[in-house]
Amino acid sequence: MTTDIKRLIRKKQRLYNKSKKSKKPSHKKAFKDIRSLIRNKLHKNYWDYLNNLDPKKDNNSKKFWKYIKSRKQDTMGIGTLKNNGVLAETAE
């Protein structure tokens, strides 16, 4: 997140507060416009970040694998337990 985006987020919050108080359509439209601008900039920055994680580009692939690990949703957990070829369902 860049300082430019942080400034826009603060501006968005001010416009939101102003649109809630005044109920003018122009304030509401300005808020919606800046909200979509921020969303687009964040999306672009996110993809720029991902494109710069290429481990082939630089020899340091630690950031790449750290990102991959953070995005994984599955875990190893405890596997199924077998007792004499039968799946154990109770704690006996």
Protein backbone atom coordinates (compact mmCIF):
# COMPACT_ATOMS: atom_id res chain seq x y z
CA MET A 1 0.00 0.00 0.00
CA THR A 2 1.52 3.26 -1.08
CA THR A 3 1.22 6.67 0.57
CA ASP A 4 -0.86 7.79 -2.39
CA ILE A 5 -3.45 5.09 -1.65
CA LYS A 6 -3.41 5.91 2.07
CA ARG A 7 -4.18 9.55 1.27
CA LEU A 8 -7.02 8.49 -0.99
CA ILE A 9 -8.45 6.27 1.74
CA ARG A 10 -8.45 9.17 4.19
CA LYS A 11 -10.10 11.36 1.56
CA LYS A 12 -12.68 8.65 0.94
CA GLN A 13 -13.50 8.56 4.65
CA ARG A 14 -13.95 12.34 4.74
CA LEU A 15 -16.25 12.17 1.69
CA TYR A 16 -18.21 9.35 3.29
CA ASN A 17 -18.76 11.38 6.45
CA LYS A 18 -19.74 14.42 4.40
CA SER A 19 -22.20 12.41 2.28
CA LYS A 20 -23.83 10.97 5.41
CA LYS A 21 -24.35 14.43 6.90
CA SER A 22 -25.45 16.39 3.84
CA LYS A 23 -27.37 13.78 1.80
CA LYS A 24 -26.38 15.62 -1.40
CA PRO A 25 -26.09 13.41 -4.49
CA SER A 26 -22.87 15.14 -5.53
CA HIS A 27 -21.12 14.08 -2.31
CA LYS A 28 -22.38 10.54 -2.70
CA LYS A 29 -21.17 10.38 -6.32
CA ALA A 30 -17.74 11.75 -5.34
CA PHE A 31 -17.52 9.10 -2.61
CA LYS A 32 -18.42 6.30 -5.04
CA ASP A 33 -15.93 7.57 -7.62
CA ILE A 34 -13.04 7.69 -5.18
CA ARG A 35 -14.04 4.29 -3.77
CA SER A 36 -13.80 2.69 -7.21
CA LEU A 37 -10.50 4.51 -7.88
CA ILE A 38 -9.03 3.11 -4.65
CA ARG A 39 -10.28 -0.38 -5.45
CA ASN A 40 -8.67 -0.24 -8.90
CA LYS A 41 -5.36 1.09 -7.55
CA LEU A 42 -5.24 -1.57 -4.83
CA HIS A 43 -5.97 -4.28 -7.37
CA LYS A 44 -3.24 -2.99 -9.69
CA ASN A 45 -0.70 -2.74 -6.85
CA TYR A 46 -1.53 -6.27 -5.72
CA TRP A 47 -0.87 -7.71 -9.17
CA ASP A 48 2.28 -5.65 -9.58
CA TYR A 49 3.51 -7.09 -6.29
CA LEU A 50 2.74 -10.64 -7.45
CA ASN A 51 4.48 -10.09 -10.76
CA ASN A 52 7.59 -8.85 -8.93
CA LEU A 53 7.75 -12.04 -6.80
CA ASP A 54 9.11 -14.04 -9.72
CA PRO A 55 11.85 -16.27 -8.23
CA LYS A 56 13.58 -16.56 -11.62
CA LYS A 57 14.11 -12.81 -11.81
CA ASP A 58 16.26 -12.66 -8.69
CA ASN A 59 17.98 -15.50 -6.89
CA ASN A 60 16.06 -14.85 -3.68
CA SER A 61 12.90 -16.96 -3.82
CA LYS A 62 12.14 -16.69 -0.10
CA LYS A 63 9.50 -13.98 -0.59
CA PHE A 64 7.81 -16.05 -3.29
CA TRP A 65 7.52 -19.18 -1.15
CA LYS A 66 6.49 -17.16 1.89
CA TYR A 67 3.60 -15.74 -0.15
CA ILE A 68 2.63 -19.19 -1.46
CA LYS A 69 2.64 -20.62 2.06
CA SER A 70 0.46 -17.77 3.34
CA ARG A 71 -2.12 -18.39 0.59
CA LYS A 72 -2.42 -22.13 1.23
CA GLN A 73 -5.66 -23.14 2.87
CA ASP A 74 -5.17 -26.84 3.48
CA THR A 75 -3.33 -28.22 6.47
CA MET A 76 -1.82 -31.57 7.14
CA GLY A 77 -3.80 -32.22 10.32
CA ILE A 78 -4.28 -35.69 11.75
CA GLY A 79 -4.75 -38.44 9.22
CA THR A 80 -7.11 -41.35 9.52
CA LEU A 81 -6.12 -43.98 12.06
CA LYS A 82 -6.20 -47.67 11.23
CA ASN A 83 -6.24 -50.49 13.75
CA ASN A 84 -5.63 -53.92 12.18
CA GLY A 85 -6.73 -52.61 8.77
CA VAL A 86 -9.97 -51.09 10.13
CA LEU A 87 -10.54 -47.35 10.40
CA ALA A 88 -10.70 -46.29 14.06
CA GLU A 89 -13.81 -44.27 14.82
CA THR A 90 -13.73 -44.28 18.62
CA ALA A 91 -10.97 -43.78 21.19
CA GLU A 92 -10.76 -47.47 22.12
